[in-house]
Full PDB file with SEQRES, HELIX, SHEET, SSBOND, CRYST1, ORIGX, SCALE, CONECT and MASTER records, all heavy atoms in Angstrom:
SEQRES   1 A   35  TYR ARG THR GLY VAL ILE PRO GLY THR LEU ILE GLY ARG          
SEQRES   2 A   35  TYR ASP ALA ARG VAL SER ALA PRO VAL GLY SER THR LEU          
SEQRES   3 A   35  ALA SER ASP GLY ASP PRO SER SER THR                          
SHEET    1 AA1 2 THR A   9  ILE A  11  0                                        
SHEET    2 AA1 2 SER A  19  PRO A  21 -1                                        
CRYST1    1.000    1.000    1.000  90.00  90.00  90.00 P 1           1          
ORIGX1      1.000000  0.000000  0.000000        0.00000                         
ORIGX2      0.000000  1.000000  0.000000        0.00000                         
ORIGX3      0.000000  0.000000  1.000000        0.00000                         
SCALE1      1.000000  0.000000  0.000000        0.00000                         
SCALE2      0.000000  1.000000  0.000000        0.00000                         
SCALE3      0.000000  0.000000  1.000000        0.00000                         
ATOM      1  N   TYR A   1       7.453   2.955   8.914  1.00  0.00           N  
ATOM      2  CA  TYR A   1       6.476   1.933   9.489  1.00  0.00           C  
ATOM      3  C   TYR A   1       6.285   0.752   8.459  1.00  0.00           C  
ATOM      4  O   TYR A   1       6.475  -0.294   9.079  1.00  0.00           O  
ATOM      5  CB  TYR A   1       5.015   2.704   9.619  1.00  0.00           C  
ATOM      6  CG  TYR A   1       4.112   1.594  10.132  1.00  0.00           C  
ATOM      7  CD1 TYR A   1       4.038   1.330  11.509  1.00  0.00           C  
ATOM      8  CD2 TYR A   1       3.251   0.880   9.290  1.00  0.00           C  
ATOM      9  CE1 TYR A   1       3.096   0.507  12.018  1.00  0.00           C  
ATOM     10  CE2 TYR A   1       2.383  -0.073   9.810  1.00  0.00           C  
ATOM     11  CZ  TYR A   1       2.322  -0.177  11.143  1.00  0.00           C  
ATOM     12  OH  TYR A   1       1.424  -1.128  11.674  1.00  0.00           O  
ATOM     13  N   ARG A   2       6.395   0.950   7.239  1.00  0.00           N  
ATOM     14  CA  ARG A   2       6.132  -0.185   6.298  1.00  0.00           C  
ATOM     15  C   ARG A   2       7.318  -1.091   6.309  1.00  0.00           C  
ATOM     16  O   ARG A   2       7.099  -2.389   6.197  1.00  0.00           O  
ATOM     17  CB  ARG A   2       6.045   0.440   4.882  1.00  0.00           C  
ATOM     18  CG  ARG A   2       4.640   1.149   4.740  1.00  0.00           C  
ATOM     19  CD  ARG A   2       4.392   1.402   3.323  1.00  0.00           C  
ATOM     20  NE  ARG A   2       5.403   2.022   2.510  1.00  0.00           N  
ATOM     21  CZ  ARG A   2       6.123   1.415   1.597  1.00  0.00           C  
ATOM     22  NH1 ARG A   2       5.807   0.169   1.201  1.00  0.00           N  
ATOM     23  NH2 ARG A   2       7.031   1.983   0.800  1.00  0.00           N  
ATOM     24  N   THR A   3       8.550  -0.498   6.513  1.00  0.00           N  
ATOM     25  CA  THR A   3       9.649  -1.432   6.526  1.00  0.00           C  
ATOM     26  C   THR A   3      10.041  -2.058   7.818  1.00  0.00           C  
ATOM     27  O   THR A   3      10.768  -3.029   7.934  1.00  0.00           O  
ATOM     28  CB  THR A   3      10.878  -0.675   6.073  1.00  0.00           C  
ATOM     29  OG1 THR A   3      11.049   0.490   6.860  1.00  0.00           O  
ATOM     30  CG2 THR A   3      10.800  -0.160   4.601  1.00  0.00           C  
ATOM     31  N   GLY A   4       9.462  -1.503   8.919  1.00  0.00           N  
ATOM     32  CA  GLY A   4       9.812  -1.806  10.287  1.00  0.00           C  
ATOM     33  C   GLY A   4       8.687  -2.712  10.996  1.00  0.00           C  
ATOM     34  O   GLY A   4       9.187  -3.300  12.075  1.00  0.00           O  
ATOM     35  N   VAL A   5       7.596  -2.647  10.715  1.00  0.00           N  
ATOM     36  CA  VAL A   5       6.523  -3.186  11.574  1.00  0.00           C  
ATOM     37  C   VAL A   5       6.674  -4.699  11.564  1.00  0.00           C  
ATOM     38  O   VAL A   5       6.307  -5.348  12.607  1.00  0.00           O  
ATOM     39  CB  VAL A   5       5.169  -2.893  11.084  1.00  0.00           C  
ATOM     40  CG1 VAL A   5       4.767  -3.376   9.686  1.00  0.00           C  
ATOM     41  CG2 VAL A   5       4.091  -3.128  12.098  1.00  0.00           C  
ATOM     42  N   ILE A   6       7.049  -5.378  10.415  1.00  0.00           N  
ATOM     43  CA  ILE A   6       7.178  -6.825  10.488  1.00  0.00           C  
ATOM     44  C   ILE A   6       8.713  -7.132   9.962  1.00  0.00           C  
ATOM     45  O   ILE A   6       8.957  -6.917   8.789  1.00  0.00           O  
ATOM     46  CB  ILE A   6       6.159  -7.507   9.555  1.00  0.00           C  
ATOM     47  CG1 ILE A   6       4.674  -7.159   9.896  1.00  0.00           C  
ATOM     48  CG2 ILE A   6       6.350  -9.045   9.609  1.00  0.00           C  
ATOM     49  CD1 ILE A   6       3.686  -7.774   8.860  1.00  0.00           C  
ATOM     50  N   PRO A   7       9.526  -7.588  10.779  1.00  0.00           N  
ATOM     51  CA  PRO A   7      10.958  -7.752  10.454  1.00  0.00           C  
ATOM     52  C   PRO A   7      11.032  -8.691   9.234  1.00  0.00           C  
ATOM     53  O   PRO A   7      10.471  -9.713   9.165  1.00  0.00           O  
ATOM     54  CB  PRO A   7      11.542  -8.418  11.720  1.00  0.00           C  
ATOM     55  CG  PRO A   7      10.659  -7.917  12.835  1.00  0.00           C  
ATOM     56  CD  PRO A   7       9.310  -7.696  12.233  1.00  0.00           C  
ATOM     57  N   GLY A   8      11.914  -8.236   8.189  1.00  0.00           N  
ATOM     58  CA  GLY A   8      11.990  -9.017   7.012  1.00  0.00           C  
ATOM     59  C   GLY A   8      10.909  -9.020   5.948  1.00  0.00           C  
ATOM     60  O   GLY A   8      11.018  -9.648   4.969  1.00  0.00           O  
ATOM     61  N   THR A   9       9.918  -8.171   6.333  1.00  0.00           N  
ATOM     62  CA  THR A   9       8.703  -8.006   5.401  1.00  0.00           C  
ATOM     63  C   THR A   9       8.462  -6.533   5.117  1.00  0.00           C  
ATOM     64  O   THR A   9       8.678  -5.628   5.880  1.00  0.00           O  
ATOM     65  CB  THR A   9       7.586  -8.610   6.009  1.00  0.00           C  
ATOM     66  OG1 THR A   9       7.746 -10.041   6.313  1.00  0.00           O  
ATOM     67  CG2 THR A   9       6.271  -8.461   5.180  1.00  0.00           C  
ATOM     68  N   LEU A  10       8.114  -6.317   3.844  1.00  0.00           N  
ATOM     69  CA  LEU A  10       7.645  -4.926   3.455  1.00  0.00           C  
ATOM     70  C   LEU A  10       6.141  -4.922   3.173  1.00  0.00           C  
ATOM     71  O   LEU A  10       5.652  -5.868   2.407  1.00  0.00           O  
ATOM     72  CB  LEU A  10       8.390  -4.592   2.070  1.00  0.00           C  
ATOM     73  CG  LEU A  10       7.972  -3.200   1.513  1.00  0.00           C  
ATOM     74  CD1 LEU A  10       8.396  -2.054   2.400  1.00  0.00           C  
ATOM     75  CD2 LEU A  10       8.559  -3.028   0.024  1.00  0.00           C  
ATOM     76  N   ILE A  11       5.370  -4.101   3.876  1.00  0.00           N  
ATOM     77  CA  ILE A  11       4.032  -3.973   3.601  1.00  0.00           C  
ATOM     78  C   ILE A  11       3.688  -2.962   2.639  1.00  0.00           C  
ATOM     79  O   ILE A  11       4.583  -1.937   2.394  1.00  0.00           O  
ATOM     80  CB  ILE A  11       3.164  -3.883   4.843  1.00  0.00           C  
ATOM     81  CG1 ILE A  11       3.423  -2.479   5.613  1.00  0.00           C  
ATOM     82  CG2 ILE A  11       3.442  -5.038   5.942  1.00  0.00           C  
ATOM     83  CD1 ILE A  11       2.482  -2.172   6.664  1.00  0.00           C  
ATOM     84  N   GLY A  12       2.576  -2.875   2.083  1.00  0.00           N  
ATOM     85  CA  GLY A  12       2.226  -2.049   0.885  1.00  0.00           C  
ATOM     86  C   GLY A  12       1.950  -0.597   1.391  1.00  0.00           C  
ATOM     87  O   GLY A  12       1.418  -0.391   2.559  1.00  0.00           O  
ATOM     88  N   ARG A  13       2.289   0.452   0.635  1.00  0.00           N  
ATOM     89  CA  ARG A  13       1.961   1.770   0.865  1.00  0.00           C  
ATOM     90  C   ARG A  13       0.441   1.940   0.337  1.00  0.00           C  
ATOM     91  O   ARG A  13      -0.435   2.578   1.085  1.00  0.00           O  
ATOM     92  CB  ARG A  13       2.845   2.715   0.094  1.00  0.00           C  
ATOM     93  CG  ARG A  13       2.532   4.152   0.338  1.00  0.00           C  
ATOM     94  CD  ARG A  13       3.475   5.025  -0.393  1.00  0.00           C  
ATOM     95  NE  ARG A  13       3.212   6.491  -0.304  1.00  0.00           N  
ATOM     96  CZ  ARG A  13       3.494   7.251   0.758  1.00  0.00           C  
ATOM     97  NH1 ARG A  13       4.133   6.703   1.686  1.00  0.00           N  
ATOM     98  NH2 ARG A  13       3.248   8.390   0.818  1.00  0.00           N  
ATOM     99  N   TYR A  14       0.079   1.579  -0.773  1.00  0.00           N  
ATOM    100  CA  TYR A  14      -1.292   1.793  -1.296  1.00  0.00           C  
ATOM    101  C   TYR A  14      -2.202   0.857  -0.677  1.00  0.00           C  
ATOM    102  O   TYR A  14      -3.392   1.186  -0.538  1.00  0.00           O  
ATOM    103  CB  TYR A  14      -1.179   1.766  -2.829  1.00  0.00           C  
ATOM    104  CG  TYR A  14      -0.395   2.848  -3.324  1.00  0.00           C  
ATOM    105  CD1 TYR A  14       0.798   2.873  -3.673  1.00  0.00           C  
ATOM    106  CD2 TYR A  14      -1.073   4.102  -3.418  1.00  0.00           C  
ATOM    107  CE1 TYR A  14       1.614   3.956  -4.210  1.00  0.00           C  
ATOM    108  CE2 TYR A  14      -0.294   5.230  -3.779  1.00  0.00           C  
ATOM    109  CZ  TYR A  14       0.927   5.139  -4.181  1.00  0.00           C  
ATOM    110  OH  TYR A  14       1.664   6.272  -4.642  1.00  0.00           O  
ATOM    111  N   ASP A  15      -1.888  -0.369  -0.367  1.00  0.00           N  
ATOM    112  CA  ASP A  15      -2.691  -1.245   0.531  1.00  0.00           C  
ATOM    113  C   ASP A  15      -1.859  -1.904   1.442  1.00  0.00           C  
ATOM    114  O   ASP A  15      -1.019  -2.841   1.096  1.00  0.00           O  
ATOM    115  CB  ASP A  15      -3.290  -2.217  -0.519  1.00  0.00           C  
ATOM    116  CG  ASP A  15      -4.534  -3.021   0.174  1.00  0.00           C  
ATOM    117  OD1 ASP A  15      -4.433  -3.211   1.378  1.00  0.00           O  
ATOM    118  OD2 ASP A  15      -5.424  -3.377  -0.456  1.00  0.00           O  
ATOM    119  N   ALA A  16      -1.785  -1.515   2.814  1.00  0.00           N  
ATOM    120  CA  ALA A  16      -1.011  -1.993   3.770  1.00  0.00           C  
ATOM    121  C   ALA A  16      -1.333  -3.522   4.025  1.00  0.00           C  
ATOM    122  O   ALA A  16      -0.567  -4.156   4.844  1.00  0.00           O  
ATOM    123  CB  ALA A  16      -1.137  -1.172   4.979  1.00  0.00           C  
ATOM    124  N   ARG A  17      -2.370  -4.056   3.575  1.00  0.00           N  
ATOM    125  CA  ARG A  17      -2.697  -5.516   3.726  1.00  0.00           C  
ATOM    126  C   ARG A  17      -1.832  -6.416   2.927  1.00  0.00           C  
ATOM    127  O   ARG A  17      -1.698  -7.594   3.191  1.00  0.00           O  
ATOM    128  CB  ARG A  17      -4.200  -5.751   3.434  1.00  0.00           C  
ATOM    129  CG  ARG A  17      -5.131  -4.932   4.352  1.00  0.00           C  
ATOM    130  CD  ARG A  17      -6.572  -5.141   3.741  1.00  0.00           C  
ATOM    131  NE  ARG A  17      -6.670  -4.778   2.416  1.00  0.00           N  
ATOM    132  CZ  ARG A  17      -7.749  -4.977   1.651  1.00  0.00           C  
ATOM    133  NH1 ARG A  17      -8.902  -5.628   2.193  1.00  0.00           N  
ATOM    134  NH2 ARG A  17      -7.850  -4.655   0.421  1.00  0.00           N  
ATOM    135  N   VAL A  18      -1.342  -5.777   1.828  1.00  0.00           N  
ATOM    136  CA  VAL A  18      -0.374  -6.562   0.933  1.00  0.00           C  
ATOM    137  C   VAL A  18       0.968  -6.529   1.345  1.00  0.00           C  
ATOM    138  O   VAL A  18       1.498  -5.504   1.879  1.00  0.00           O  
ATOM    139  CB  VAL A  18      -0.430  -6.079  -0.546  1.00  0.00           C  
ATOM    140  CG1 VAL A  18       0.443  -6.729  -1.373  1.00  0.00           C  
ATOM    141  CG2 VAL A  18      -1.907  -6.056  -1.050  1.00  0.00           C  
ATOM    142  N   SER A  19       1.710  -7.725   1.612  1.00  0.00           N  
ATOM    143  CA  SER A  19       3.077  -7.684   2.076  1.00  0.00           C  
ATOM    144  C   SER A  19       3.923  -8.673   1.154  1.00  0.00           C  
ATOM    145  O   SER A  19       3.385  -9.486   0.472  1.00  0.00           O  
ATOM    146  CB  SER A  19       3.042  -8.332   3.476  1.00  0.00           C  
ATOM    147  OG  SER A  19       2.610  -9.593   3.567  1.00  0.00           O  
ATOM    148  N   ALA A  20       5.200  -8.568   1.384  1.00  0.00           N  
ATOM    149  CA  ALA A  20       6.133  -9.337   0.567  1.00  0.00           C  
ATOM    150  C   ALA A  20       7.355  -9.453   1.266  1.00  0.00           C  
ATOM    151  O   ALA A  20       7.857  -8.460   1.942  1.00  0.00           O  
ATOM    152  CB  ALA A  20       6.226  -8.920  -0.791  1.00  0.00           C  
ATOM    153  N   PRO A  21       8.124 -10.517   1.276  1.00  0.00           N  
ATOM    154  CA  PRO A  21       9.452 -10.585   1.899  1.00  0.00           C  
ATOM    155  C   PRO A  21      10.380  -9.670   1.332  1.00  0.00           C  
ATOM    156  O   PRO A  21      10.421  -9.453   0.127  1.00  0.00           O  
ATOM    157  CB  PRO A  21       9.795 -12.042   1.524  1.00  0.00           C  
ATOM    158  CG  PRO A  21       8.759 -12.893   1.316  1.00  0.00           C  
ATOM    159  CD  PRO A  21       7.725 -11.851   0.732  1.00  0.00           C  
ATOM    160  N   VAL A  22      11.226  -9.032   2.175  1.00  0.00           N  
ATOM    161  CA  VAL A  22      12.236  -8.106   1.634  1.00  0.00           C  
ATOM    162  C   VAL A  22      13.271  -8.901   0.727  1.00  0.00           C  
ATOM    163  O   VAL A  22      13.644  -9.950   0.957  1.00  0.00           O  
ATOM    164  CB  VAL A  22      13.023  -7.422   2.823  1.00  0.00           C  
ATOM    165  CG1 VAL A  22      14.278  -6.633   2.334  1.00  0.00           C  
ATOM    166  CG2 VAL A  22      12.081  -6.531   3.615  1.00  0.00           C  
ATOM    167  N   GLY A  23      13.535  -8.280  -0.370  1.00  0.00           N  
ATOM    168  CA  GLY A  23      14.369  -8.991  -1.336  1.00  0.00           C  
ATOM    169  C   GLY A  23      13.531  -9.677  -2.426  1.00  0.00           C  
ATOM    170  O   GLY A  23      14.218 -10.296  -3.487  1.00  0.00           O  
ATOM    171  N   SER A  24      12.294  -9.992  -2.309  1.00  0.00           N  
ATOM    172  CA  SER A  24      11.508 -10.578  -3.242  1.00  0.00           C  
ATOM    173  C   SER A  24      11.150  -9.749  -4.414  1.00  0.00           C  
ATOM    174  O   SER A  24      11.216  -8.523  -4.284  1.00  0.00           O  
ATOM    175  CB  SER A  24      10.151 -11.173  -2.534  1.00  0.00           C  
ATOM    176  OG  SER A  24       9.316 -10.161  -2.232  1.00  0.00           O  
ATOM    177  N   THR A  25      10.647 -10.387  -5.511  1.00  0.00           N  
ATOM    178  CA  THR A  25      10.307  -9.738  -6.718  1.00  0.00           C  
ATOM    179  C   THR A  25       9.228  -8.667  -6.391  1.00  0.00           C  
ATOM    180  O   THR A  25       9.161  -7.515  -6.897  1.00  0.00           O  
ATOM    181  CB  THR A  25       9.905 -10.605  -7.933  1.00  0.00           C  
ATOM    182  OG1 THR A  25      10.955 -11.530  -8.194  1.00  0.00           O  
ATOM    183  CG2 THR A  25       9.543  -9.894  -9.078  1.00  0.00           C  
ATOM    184  N   LEU A  26       8.182  -9.155  -5.533  1.00  0.00           N  
ATOM    185  CA  LEU A  26       7.128  -8.319  -5.242  1.00  0.00           C  
ATOM    186  C   LEU A  26       7.596  -7.106  -4.489  1.00  0.00           C  
ATOM    187  O   LEU A  26       6.795  -6.012  -4.482  1.00  0.00           O  
ATOM    188  CB  LEU A  26       6.104  -9.228  -4.621  1.00  0.00           C  
ATOM    189  CG  LEU A  26       4.593  -8.612  -4.528  1.00  0.00           C  
ATOM    190  CD1 LEU A  26       4.011  -8.272  -5.974  1.00  0.00           C  
ATOM    191  CD2 LEU A  26       3.761  -9.615  -3.720  1.00  0.00           C  
ATOM    192  N   ALA A  27       8.550  -7.188  -3.764  1.00  0.00           N  
ATOM    193  CA  ALA A  27       9.055  -6.000  -2.863  1.00  0.00           C  
ATOM    194  C   ALA A  27      10.070  -5.175  -3.643  1.00  0.00           C  
ATOM    195  O   ALA A  27      10.335  -4.065  -3.077  1.00  0.00           O  
ATOM    196  CB  ALA A  27       9.573  -6.553  -1.598  1.00  0.00           C  
ATOM    197  N   SER A  28      10.473  -5.494  -4.781  1.00  0.00           N  
ATOM    198  CA  SER A  28      11.623  -4.893  -5.364  1.00  0.00           C  
ATOM    199  C   SER A  28      11.440  -3.473  -5.772  1.00  0.00           C  
ATOM    200  O   SER A  28      12.402  -2.847  -5.903  1.00  0.00           O  
ATOM    201  CB  SER A  28      12.092  -5.816  -6.582  1.00  0.00           C  
ATOM    202  OG  SER A  28      11.015  -5.812  -7.538  1.00  0.00           O  
ATOM    203  N   ASP A  29      10.244  -3.122  -6.130  1.00  0.00           N  
ATOM    204  CA  ASP A  29       9.946  -1.660  -6.510  1.00  0.00           C  
ATOM    205  C   ASP A  29       9.571  -0.837  -5.363  1.00  0.00           C  
ATOM    206  O   ASP A  29       9.073   0.342  -5.610  1.00  0.00           O  
ATOM    207  CB  ASP A  29       8.921  -1.638  -7.614  1.00  0.00           C  
ATOM    208  CG  ASP A  29       9.443  -2.221  -8.891  1.00  0.00           C  
ATOM    209  OD1 ASP A  29      10.643  -2.147  -9.132  1.00  0.00           O  
ATOM    210  OD2 ASP A  29       8.683  -2.830  -9.731  1.00  0.00           O  
ATOM    211  N   GLY A  30       9.588  -1.290  -4.035  1.00  0.00           N  
ATOM    212  CA  GLY A  30       9.254  -0.539  -3.006  1.00  0.00           C  
ATOM    213  C   GLY A  30       7.840  -0.500  -2.438  1.00  0.00           C  
ATOM    214  O   GLY A  30       7.465  -0.056  -1.363  1.00  0.00           O  
ATOM    215  N   ASP A  31       6.890  -1.068  -3.121  1.00  0.00           N  
ATOM    216  CA  ASP A  31       5.446  -1.154  -2.799  1.00  0.00           C  
ATOM    217  C   ASP A  31       4.907  -2.421  -3.366  1.00  0.00           C  
ATOM    218  O   ASP A  31       4.483  -2.355  -4.518  1.00  0.00           O  
ATOM    219  CB  ASP A  31       4.776   0.031  -3.139  1.00  0.00           C  
ATOM    220  CG  ASP A  31       3.347   0.032  -2.612  1.00  0.00           C  
ATOM    221  OD1 ASP A  31       2.896  -1.041  -2.033  1.00  0.00           O  
ATOM    222  OD2 ASP A  31       2.484   0.961  -2.694  1.00  0.00           O  
ATOM    223  N   PRO A  32       4.764  -3.507  -2.687  1.00  0.00           N  
ATOM    224  CA  PRO A  32       4.250  -4.766  -3.201  1.00  0.00           C  
ATOM    225  C   PRO A  32       2.802  -4.591  -3.628  1.00  0.00           C  
ATOM    226  O   PRO A  32       2.337  -5.185  -4.619  1.00  0.00           O  
ATOM    227  CB  PRO A  32       4.262  -5.796  -2.036  1.00  0.00           C  
ATOM    228  CG  PRO A  32       4.477  -4.939  -0.762  1.00  0.00           C  
ATOM    229  CD  PRO A  32       5.241  -3.720  -1.288  1.00  0.00           C  
ATOM    230  N   SER A  33       1.992  -3.611  -3.055  1.00  0.00           N  
ATOM    231  CA  SER A  33       0.619  -3.511  -3.452  1.00  0.00           C  
ATOM    232  C   SER A  33       0.530  -2.854  -4.849  1.00  0.00           C  
ATOM    233  O   SER A  33      -0.446  -2.977  -5.616  1.00  0.00           O  
ATOM    234  CB  SER A  33      -0.109  -2.723  -2.517  1.00  0.00           C  
ATOM    235  OG  SER A  33       0.303  -1.420  -2.257  1.00  0.00           O  
ATOM    236  N   SER A  34       1.544  -1.966  -5.244  1.00  0.00           N  
ATOM    237  CA  SER A  34       1.559  -1.340  -6.532  1.00  0.00           C  
ATOM    238  C   SER A  34       2.147  -2.353  -7.611  1.00  0.00           C  
ATOM    239  O   SER A  34       1.663  -2.514  -8.694  1.00  0.00           O  
ATOM    240  CB  SER A  34       2.505  -0.120  -6.427  1.00  0.00           C  
ATOM    241  OG  SER A  34       2.611   0.443  -7.746  1.00  0.00           O  
ATOM    242  N   THR A  35       3.278  -2.996  -7.262  1.00  0.00           N  
ATOM    243  CA  THR A  35       3.848  -3.975  -8.112  1.00  0.00           C  
ATOM    244  C   THR A  35       2.981  -5.033  -8.611  1.00  0.00           C  
ATOM    245  O   THR A  35       2.912  -5.517  -9.737  1.00  0.00           O  
ATOM    246  CB  THR A  35       5.063  -4.592  -7.411  1.00  0.00           C  
ATOM    247  OG1 THR A  35       6.097  -3.534  -7.252  1.00  0.00           O  
ATOM    248  CG2 THR A  35       5.835  -5.537  -8.383  1.00  0.00           C  
TER     249      THR A  35                                                      
MASTER        0    0    0    0    2    0    0    6  248    1    0    3          
END                                                                             
């Protein structure tokens, strides 16, 4: 769900309101809300 709901964007696991573009620094560890 997190990787597919918004194409090209990863949403957070711990806080799904937090999002980051795939390939960005914030998305690099797999959960932008944790990073």
